[in-house]
Amino acid sequence: MLRTVRPTCVHVLIAEDDFTYCPQTLQLVHYAMNKASRYQNWNSIRISYGMNGIIMRCSDIPAITEYLESQQVMMPVDLLTDE
């Protein structure tokens, strides 16, 4: 799915399908993005645990998908993002 959205997005928020965000999530995302925009070389922003709440640039999608696909034999994908 990440590869599908890459051509049409600037940033992506990764979340698991069984996760429910709190009502203030959009405010937190906005705050985190504004704070990160002060730094040009940020790779990702974590606003939760596991595969929930990872904000990243869409230009970084190829690198993260390659890593997740090559390492998923070691452990479940959602645990790989904690490394």
Foldseek 3Di string as FASTA:
>chain_A
DLVVCLVPDFKDFFADPPDDDDPCVVVVVVVVVVVCVVPDDDAWDAPDAFRGGIMGTSVCSVVLVVVLVVCCVVDHSSVVVVD
